Amino acid sequence: MVGFKNSYMVMEVLLDPNKEISGDDPIVVTQFNISKAIKDGILVNFGECGLASSLGSFQVKYVNPITKLCVMRASRDEYQKIWSSISMVRSIGNCPVLFNLLDLSGSIKACKTATLKCDELKFEQYKLMVGACLSADVTQHMQNCLEKIRILEH
């Protein structure tokens, strides 16, 4: 018996540098927000039939609100449609964003490795940027996120 074949995408959510933004960190990255923005993008670009065909396998598996990294799963037949829709998403809520693909993998294990590496590097960069203002809550939240990615499975 052949298992269901999936592709996994590690994406980074970035503020759109070409748009004006009010506030310090306006993006609230959650699984719901990202999933809704991508599904809306699929609907606009591929219609109801395209959305229905991709919904069976599409899932946002992991989101780190501190480093703005997320992991998405899609079937190997549908990942190009989802990827192209992601590249056309221009906002999450009222915040202008861009998505950057960091890794595309056929296995969850390779995806976990890439995500852990990126998350750790981005958190170190975040700590340097924030400096002494880093609270224990943020550090604990980041450790929880890293633990979630370590146990990520299908």
N, C-alpha and C. Protein backbone atom coordinates (compact mmCIF):
# COMPACT_ATOMS: atom_id res chain seq x y z
N MET A 1 0.84 -1.17 0.00
CA MET A 1 0.00 0.00 0.00
C MET A 1 0.89 1.24 0.00
N VAL A 2 0.54 2.21 -0.84
CA VAL A 2 1.31 3.44 -0.96
C VAL A 2 0.69 4.50 -0.06
N GLY A 3 1.52 5.16 0.71
CA GLY A 3 1.02 6.22 1.59
C GLY A 3 0.69 7.48 0.81
N PHE A 4 -0.05 8.34 1.42
CA PHE A 4 -0.41 9.62 0.81
C PHE A 4 0.82 10.49 0.74
N LYS A 5 1.15 11.00 -0.43
CA LYS A 5 2.37 11.78 -0.65
C LYS A 5 2.11 13.26 -0.41
N ASN A 6 2.91 13.85 0.47
CA ASN A 6 2.78 15.26 0.82
C ASN A 6 4.06 16.01 0.53
N SER A 7 3.92 17.31 0.40
CA SER A 7 5.05 18.23 0.37
C SER A 7 4.90 19.16 1.56
N TYR A 8 6.02 19.57 2.13
CA TYR A 8 6.02 20.46 3.28
C TYR A 8 6.80 21.71 2.92
N MET A 9 6.22 22.86 3.25
CA MET A 9 6.85 24.14 2.95
C MET A 9 7.14 24.88 4.25
N VAL A 10 8.38 25.33 4.40
CA VAL A 10 8.75 26.19 5.52
C VAL A 10 8.74 27.61 4.97
N MET A 11 7.85 28.43 5.52
CA MET A 11 7.68 29.80 5.02
C MET A 11 7.99 30.80 6.13
N GLU A 12 8.47 31.95 5.71
CA GLU A 12 8.74 33.06 6.61
C GLU A 12 7.77 34.18 6.24
N VAL A 13 7.11 34.75 7.24
CA VAL A 13 6.18 35.86 7.01
C VAL A 13 6.94 37.16 7.30
N LEU A 14 7.02 38.01 6.30
CA LEU A 14 7.77 39.25 6.41
C LEU A 14 6.84 40.45 6.24
N LEU A 15 7.15 41.54 6.92
CA LEU A 15 6.45 42.80 6.67
C LEU A 15 6.80 43.28 5.28
N ASP A 16 5.84 43.76 4.53
CA ASP A 16 6.09 44.28 3.19
C ASP A 16 6.85 45.60 3.31
N PRO A 17 8.09 45.68 2.85
CA PRO A 17 8.89 46.90 3.02
C PRO A 17 8.37 48.06 2.15
N ASN A 18 7.54 47.78 1.18
CA ASN A 18 7.03 48.82 0.29
C ASN A 18 5.77 49.49 0.81
N LYS A 19 5.25 49.05 1.94
CA LYS A 19 4.01 49.60 2.51
C LYS A 19 4.31 50.28 3.83
N GLU A 20 3.52 51.29 4.16
CA GLU A 20 3.67 51.96 5.45
C GLU A 20 2.96 51.17 6.52
N ILE A 21 3.59 51.09 7.69
CA ILE A 21 3.05 50.32 8.80
C ILE A 21 3.05 51.19 10.03
N SER A 22 1.95 51.15 10.76
CA SER A 22 1.90 51.89 12.02
C SER A 22 2.03 50.91 13.17
N GLY A 23 2.85 51.23 14.16
CA GLY A 23 3.05 50.34 15.30
C GLY A 23 4.38 49.62 15.21
N ASP A 24 4.72 48.94 16.31
CA ASP A 24 6.01 48.25 16.38
C ASP A 24 6.01 46.94 15.61
N ASP A 25 5.10 46.04 15.97
CA ASP A 25 5.05 44.71 15.36
C ASP A 25 3.60 44.36 15.08
N PRO A 26 3.05 44.82 13.98
CA PRO A 26 1.62 44.68 13.74
C PRO A 26 1.16 43.29 13.34
N ILE A 27 2.05 42.41 12.96
CA ILE A 27 1.62 41.09 12.51
C ILE A 27 1.32 40.21 13.71
N VAL A 28 0.13 39.68 13.73
CA VAL A 28 -0.22 38.64 14.70
C VAL A 28 -0.34 37.36 13.88
N VAL A 29 0.71 36.56 13.93
CA VAL A 29 0.77 35.35 13.11
C VAL A 29 0.21 34.19 13.91
N THR A 30 -0.90 33.64 13.42
CA THR A 30 -1.50 32.45 14.01
C THR A 30 -1.82 31.47 12.90
N GLN A 31 -2.06 30.23 13.28
CA GLN A 31 -2.43 29.23 12.28
C GLN A 31 -3.71 29.65 11.55
N PHE A 32 -4.67 30.19 12.30
CA PHE A 32 -5.93 30.61 11.70
C PHE A 32 -5.72 31.74 10.70
N ASN A 33 -4.96 32.79 11.07
CA ASN A 33 -4.75 33.93 10.19
C ASN A 33 -4.05 33.52 8.89
N ILE A 34 -3.01 32.72 9.02
CA ILE A 34 -2.26 32.30 7.83
C ILE A 34 -3.12 31.40 6.95
N SER A 35 -3.79 30.45 7.57
CA SER A 35 -4.64 29.53 6.81
C SER A 35 -5.75 30.28 6.08
N LYS A 36 -6.39 31.23 6.74
CA LYS A 36 -7.47 32.00 6.12
C LYS A 36 -6.94 32.82 4.95
N ALA A 37 -5.80 33.49 5.12
CA ALA A 37 -5.24 34.30 4.04
C ALA A 37 -4.90 33.45 2.82
N ILE A 38 -4.34 32.26 3.05
CA ILE A 38 -3.96 31.39 1.94
C ILE A 38 -5.20 30.81 1.26
N LYS A 39 -6.17 30.38 2.04
CA LYS A 39 -7.41 29.85 1.45
C LYS A 39 -8.14 30.92 0.65
N ASP A 40 -8.15 32.14 1.15
CA ASP A 40 -8.75 33.24 0.39
C ASP A 40 -7.99 33.46 -0.92
N GLY A 41 -6.66 33.35 -0.87
CA GLY A 41 -5.84 33.49 -2.07
C GLY A 41 -6.11 32.39 -3.08
N ILE A 42 -6.28 31.17 -2.61
CA ILE A 42 -6.59 30.06 -3.52
C ILE A 42 -7.95 30.30 -4.17
N LEU A 43 -8.92 30.74 -3.37
CA LEU A 43 -10.26 31.01 -3.89
C LEU A 43 -10.24 32.09 -4.96
N VAL A 44 -9.52 33.18 -4.72
CA VAL A 44 -9.45 34.28 -5.67
C VAL A 44 -8.75 33.85 -6.96
N ASN A 45 -7.66 33.11 -6.84
CA ASN A 45 -6.85 32.78 -8.01
C ASN A 45 -7.26 31.52 -8.75
N PHE A 46 -7.87 30.56 -8.06
CA PHE A 46 -8.21 29.29 -8.69
C PHE A 46 -9.69 28.93 -8.59
N GLY A 47 -10.47 29.76 -7.93
CA GLY A 47 -11.91 29.53 -7.84
C GLY A 47 -12.28 28.47 -6.82
N GLU A 48 -13.58 28.20 -6.76
CA GLU A 48 -14.09 27.24 -5.78
C GLU A 48 -13.60 25.83 -6.04
N CYS A 49 -13.49 25.46 -7.30
CA CYS A 49 -13.02 24.11 -7.63
C CYS A 49 -11.55 23.93 -7.21
N GLY A 50 -10.73 24.94 -7.44
CA GLY A 50 -9.33 24.88 -7.02
C GLY A 50 -9.19 24.83 -5.51
N LEU A 51 -10.04 25.59 -4.81
CA LEU A 51 -10.01 25.57 -3.35
C LEU A 51 -10.44 24.20 -2.83
N ALA A 52 -11.49 23.65 -3.40
CA ALA A 52 -11.99 22.35 -2.94
C ALA A 52 -10.96 21.25 -3.17
N SER A 53 -10.25 21.30 -4.30
CA SER A 53 -9.26 20.25 -4.58
C SER A 53 -8.05 20.33 -3.66
N SER A 54 -7.73 21.53 -3.18
CA SER A 54 -6.55 21.66 -2.33
C SER A 54 -6.86 21.54 -0.84
N LEU A 55 -8.11 21.69 -0.44
CA LEU A 55 -8.45 21.66 0.98
C LEU A 55 -8.26 20.29 1.63
N GLY A 56 -8.30 19.23 0.86
CA GLY A 56 -8.15 17.89 1.42
C GLY A 56 -6.80 17.66 2.06
N SER A 57 -5.78 18.31 1.56
CA SER A 57 -4.43 18.07 2.08
C SER A 57 -3.80 19.29 2.73
N PHE A 58 -4.30 20.47 2.44
CA PHE A 58 -3.66 21.69 2.96
C PHE A 58 -3.87 21.83 4.46
N GLN A 59 -2.76 22.11 5.16
CA GLN A 59 -2.83 22.35 6.60
C GLN A 59 -1.62 23.16 7.02
N VAL A 60 -1.87 24.15 7.87
CA VAL A 60 -0.77 24.88 8.51
C VAL A 60 -0.43 24.07 9.75
N LYS A 61 0.74 23.44 9.74
CA LYS A 61 1.11 22.51 10.80
C LYS A 61 1.75 23.19 12.01
N TYR A 62 2.47 24.28 11.77
CA TYR A 62 3.25 24.91 12.84
C TYR A 62 3.40 26.39 12.55
N VAL A 63 3.27 27.20 13.58
CA VAL A 63 3.50 28.65 13.46
C VAL A 63 4.26 29.11 14.69
N ASN A 64 5.29 29.89 14.48
CA ASN A 64 6.02 30.53 15.58
C ASN A 64 5.78 32.02 15.47
N PRO A 65 4.99 32.60 16.39
CA PRO A 65 4.67 34.03 16.30
C PRO A 65 5.85 34.96 16.58
N ILE A 66 6.90 34.45 17.19
CA ILE A 66 8.07 35.29 17.49
C ILE A 66 8.97 35.40 16.27
N THR A 67 9.31 34.27 15.67
CA THR A 67 10.21 34.28 14.51
C THR A 67 9.45 34.40 13.19
N LYS A 68 8.14 34.30 13.23
CA LYS A 68 7.27 34.41 12.05
C LYS A 68 7.54 33.31 11.02
N LEU A 69 7.86 32.12 11.52
CA LEU A 69 8.03 30.96 10.64
C LEU A 69 6.80 30.08 10.72
N CYS A 70 6.47 29.44 9.61
CA CYS A 70 5.35 28.50 9.62
C CYS A 70 5.67 27.33 8.70
N VAL A 71 5.04 26.20 9.00
CA VAL A 71 5.19 24.99 8.22
C VAL A 71 3.82 24.63 7.68
N MET A 72 3.75 24.37 6.38
CA MET A 72 2.49 24.00 5.74
C MET A 72 2.64 22.68 5.02
N ARG A 73 1.55 21.92 5.04
CA ARG A 73 1.51 20.64 4.33
C ARG A 73 0.53 20.75 3.18
N ALA A 74 0.89 20.15 2.05
CA ALA A 74 0.00 20.08 0.89
C ALA A 74 0.31 18.79 0.15
N SER A 75 -0.65 18.27 -0.58
CA SER A 75 -0.37 17.07 -1.35
C SER A 75 0.61 17.42 -2.47
N ARG A 76 1.33 16.44 -2.93
CA ARG A 76 2.31 16.69 -3.99
C ARG A 76 1.64 17.13 -5.28
N ASP A 77 0.38 16.75 -5.46
CA ASP A 77 -0.36 17.18 -6.66
C ASP A 77 -0.80 18.63 -6.57
N GLU A 78 -0.99 19.14 -5.36
CA GLU A 78 -1.58 20.47 -5.16
C GLU A 78 -0.60 21.53 -4.66
N TYR A 79 0.62 21.16 -4.30
CA TYR A 79 1.50 22.11 -3.63
C TYR A 79 1.85 23.31 -4.51
N GLN A 80 1.96 23.11 -5.82
CA GLN A 80 2.31 24.23 -6.70
C GLN A 80 1.19 25.27 -6.75
N LYS A 81 -0.04 24.79 -6.72
CA LYS A 81 -1.19 25.70 -6.69
C LYS A 81 -1.19 26.49 -5.39
N ILE A 82 -0.94 25.82 -4.29
CA ILE A 82 -0.92 26.49 -2.99
C ILE A 82 0.25 27.46 -2.90
N TRP A 83 1.41 27.03 -3.37
CA TRP A 83 2.60 27.88 -3.36
C TRP A 83 2.36 29.15 -4.19
N SER A 84 1.78 29.00 -5.37
CA SER A 84 1.52 30.18 -6.20
C SER A 84 0.50 31.11 -5.54
N SER A 85 -0.48 30.55 -4.85
CA SER A 85 -1.45 31.38 -4.14
C SER A 85 -0.79 32.10 -2.97
N ILE A 86 0.13 31.42 -2.28
CA ILE A 86 0.85 32.05 -1.18
C ILE A 86 1.66 33.24 -1.69
N SER A 87 2.27 33.09 -2.84
CA SER A 87 3.09 34.19 -3.37
C SER A 87 2.25 35.40 -3.75
N MET A 88 0.94 35.22 -3.91
CA MET A 88 0.06 36.33 -4.25
C MET A 88 -0.65 36.94 -3.04
N VAL A 89 -0.48 36.35 -1.86
CA VAL A 89 -1.06 36.91 -0.64
C VAL A 89 -0.30 38.19 -0.30
N ARG A 90 -1.03 39.27 -0.12
CA ARG A 90 -0.40 40.57 0.15
C ARG A 90 -0.71 41.11 1.54
N SER A 91 -1.63 40.46 2.27
CA SER A 91 -1.92 40.95 3.62
C SER A 91 -2.51 39.84 4.47
N ILE A 92 -2.25 39.96 5.76
CA ILE A 92 -2.90 39.13 6.77
C ILE A 92 -3.64 40.12 7.64
N GLY A 93 -4.95 40.06 7.59
CA GLY A 93 -5.75 41.09 8.25
C GLY A 93 -5.53 42.40 7.52
N ASN A 94 -5.12 43.43 8.25
CA ASN A 94 -4.83 44.73 7.64
C ASN A 94 -3.34 44.98 7.50
N CYS A 95 -2.53 43.98 7.77
CA CYS A 95 -1.08 44.15 7.75
C CYS A 95 -0.50 43.65 6.43
N PRO A 96 0.23 44.51 5.70
CA PRO A 96 0.84 44.08 4.44
C PRO A 96 2.02 43.13 4.69
N VAL A 97 1.98 41.97 4.06
CA VAL A 97 3.02 40.97 4.28
C VAL A 97 3.50 40.38 2.96
N LEU A 98 4.63 39.71 3.05
CA LEU A 98 5.18 38.90 1.98
C LEU A 98 5.55 37.56 2.58
N PHE A 99 5.46 36.50 1.80
CA PHE A 99 5.89 35.18 2.24
C PHE A 99 7.18 34.84 1.52
N ASN A 100 8.11 34.24 2.25
CA ASN A 100 9.38 33.82 1.70
C ASN A 100 9.53 32.31 1.94
N LEU A 101 9.66 31.55 0.87
CA LEU A 101 9.85 30.10 1.00
C LEU A 101 11.29 29.83 1.40
N LEU A 102 11.46 29.16 2.55
CA LEU A 102 12.80 28.83 3.04
C LEU A 102 13.19 27.41 2.71
N ASP A 103 12.19 26.51 2.68
CA ASP A 103 12.50 25.11 2.40
C ASP A 103 11.26 24.42 1.86
N LEU A 104 11.46 23.54 0.91
CA LEU A 104 10.41 22.69 0.36
C LEU A 104 10.90 21.27 0.47
N SER A 105 10.11 20.41 1.11
CA SER A 105 10.57 19.06 1.39
C SER A 105 9.46 18.06 1.15
N GLY A 106 9.84 16.84 0.89
CA GLY A 106 8.87 15.76 0.72
C GLY A 106 8.65 14.96 1.98
N SER A 107 9.41 15.26 3.03
CA SER A 107 9.24 14.51 4.28
C SER A 107 9.17 15.46 5.46
N ILE A 108 8.40 15.05 6.45
CA ILE A 108 8.24 15.87 7.65
C ILE A 108 9.55 15.94 8.44
N LYS A 109 10.33 14.89 8.37
CA LYS A 109 11.59 14.85 9.11
C LYS A 109 12.57 15.91 8.59
N ALA A 110 12.72 16.01 7.28
CA ALA A 110 13.60 17.02 6.70
C ALA A 110 13.07 18.42 6.96
N CYS A 111 11.77 18.55 6.95
CA CYS A 111 11.14 19.83 7.23
C CYS A 111 11.38 20.26 8.68
N LYS A 112 11.29 19.32 9.62
CA LYS A 112 11.55 19.61 11.02
C LYS A 112 12.98 20.11 11.22
N THR A 113 13.92 19.46 10.57
CA THR A 113 15.33 19.84 10.69
C THR A 113 15.55 21.27 10.19
N ALA A 114 15.00 21.58 9.02
CA ALA A 114 15.16 22.92 8.45
C ALA A 114 14.47 23.97 9.32
N THR A 115 13.30 23.65 9.84
CA THR A 115 12.55 24.59 10.67
C THR A 115 13.27 24.86 11.98
N LEU A 116 13.78 23.83 12.61
CA LEU A 116 14.53 24.01 13.87
C LEU A 116 15.74 24.90 13.66
N LYS A 117 16.47 24.64 12.59
CA LYS A 117 17.67 25.44 12.30
C LYS A 117 17.30 26.90 12.08
N CYS A 118 16.28 27.15 11.26
CA CYS A 118 15.85 28.53 10.98
C CYS A 118 15.31 29.21 12.23
N ASP A 119 14.49 28.48 13.00
CA ASP A 119 13.91 29.05 14.22
C ASP A 119 14.99 29.45 15.22
N GLU A 120 15.97 28.59 15.42
CA GLU A 120 17.03 28.90 16.38
C GLU A 120 17.85 30.10 15.93
N LEU A 121 18.18 30.17 14.64
CA LEU A 121 18.94 31.31 14.13
C LEU A 121 18.14 32.61 14.22
N LYS A 122 16.86 32.55 13.87
CA LYS A 122 16.03 33.75 13.93
C LYS A 122 15.80 34.22 15.37
N PHE A 123 15.69 33.27 16.31
CA PHE A 123 15.51 33.68 17.70
C PHE A 123 16.78 34.32 18.26
N GLU A 124 17.94 33.81 17.87
CA GLU A 124 19.20 34.44 18.28
C GLU A 124 19.27 35.86 17.73
N GLN A 125 18.85 36.04 16.49
CA GLN A 125 18.82 37.36 15.89
C GLN A 125 17.83 38.26 16.64
N TYR A 126 16.68 37.72 17.01
CA TYR A 126 15.67 38.46 17.76
C TYR A 126 16.21 38.90 19.12
N LYS A 127 16.93 37.99 19.80
CA LYS A 127 17.52 38.32 21.11
C LYS A 127 18.53 39.46 20.99
N LEU A 128 19.33 39.46 19.93
CA LEU A 128 20.30 40.53 19.72
C LEU A 128 19.60 41.86 19.43
N MET A 129 18.51 41.79 18.69
CA MET A 129 17.77 42.99 18.33
C MET A 129 17.07 43.61 19.55
N VAL A 130 16.47 42.76 20.39
CA VAL A 130 15.71 43.24 21.55
C VAL A 130 16.65 43.58 22.70
N GLY A 131 17.71 42.82 22.85
CA GLY A 131 18.69 43.10 23.88
C GLY A 131 18.18 42.82 25.28
N ALA A 132 18.35 43.76 26.18
CA ALA A 132 17.99 43.60 27.59
C ALA A 132 16.49 43.59 27.82
N CYS A 133 15.71 43.97 26.82
CA CYS A 133 14.24 44.02 26.97
C CYS A 133 13.59 42.64 26.85
N LEU A 134 14.37 41.61 26.62
CA LEU A 134 13.82 40.26 26.44
C LEU A 134 13.30 39.73 27.77
N SER A 135 12.02 39.40 27.80
CA SER A 135 11.40 38.92 29.04
C SER A 135 11.52 37.40 29.14
N ALA A 136 11.35 36.90 30.33
CA ALA A 136 11.38 35.46 30.56
C ALA A 136 10.20 34.78 29.88
N ASP A 137 9.08 35.48 29.77
CA ASP A 137 7.90 34.92 29.10
C ASP A 137 8.19 34.64 27.62
N VAL A 138 8.87 35.58 26.96
CA VAL A 138 9.20 35.41 25.54
C VAL A 138 10.16 34.24 25.37
N THR A 139 11.14 34.14 26.23
CA THR A 139 12.08 33.04 26.16
C THR A 139 11.38 31.70 26.38
N GLN A 140 10.48 31.65 27.35
CA GLN A 140 9.72 30.42 27.62
C GLN A 140 8.81 30.08 26.44
N HIS A 141 8.18 31.10 25.86
CA HIS A 141 7.31 30.87 24.71
C HIS A 141 8.11 30.32 23.53
N MET A 142 9.31 30.84 23.31
CA MET A 142 10.16 30.36 22.24
C MET A 142 10.58 28.91 22.48
N GLN A 143 10.91 28.58 23.72
CA GLN A 143 11.27 27.19 24.05
C GLN A 143 10.09 26.26 23.79
N ASN A 144 8.88 26.71 24.11
CA ASN A 144 7.68 25.91 23.85
C ASN A 144 7.48 25.70 22.35
N CYS A 145 7.73 26.74 21.56
CA CYS A 145 7.60 26.62 20.11
C CYS A 145 8.63 25.64 19.55
N LEU A 146 9.86 25.73 20.04
CA LEU A 146 10.89 24.80 19.58
C LEU A 146 10.54 23.36 19.96
N GLU A 147 9.94 23.18 21.13
CA GLU A 147 9.53 21.85 21.55
C GLU A 147 8.41 21.33 20.66
N LYS A 148 7.48 22.22 20.27
CA LYS A 148 6.38 21.81 19.38
C LYS A 148 6.90 21.33 18.05
N ILE A 149 7.91 22.01 17.51
CA ILE A 149 8.45 21.59 16.22
C ILE A 149 9.21 20.28 16.34
N ARG A 150 9.82 20.04 17.48
CA ARG A 150 10.57 18.79 17.67
C ARG A 150 9.63 17.58 17.68
N ILE A 151 8.39 17.76 18.14
CA ILE A 151 7.46 16.64 18.21
C ILE A 151 6.45 16.64 17.06
N LEU A 152 6.66 17.52 16.07
CA LEU A 152 5.75 17.65 14.94
C LEU A 152 5.71 16.34 14.15
N GLU A 153 4.54 15.85 13.93
CA GLU A 153 4.33 14.64 13.13
C GLU A 153 3.15 14.87 12.19
N HIS A 154 2.83 13.86 11.45
CA HIS A 154 1.72 13.96 10.50
C HIS A 154 0.47 14.31 11.27
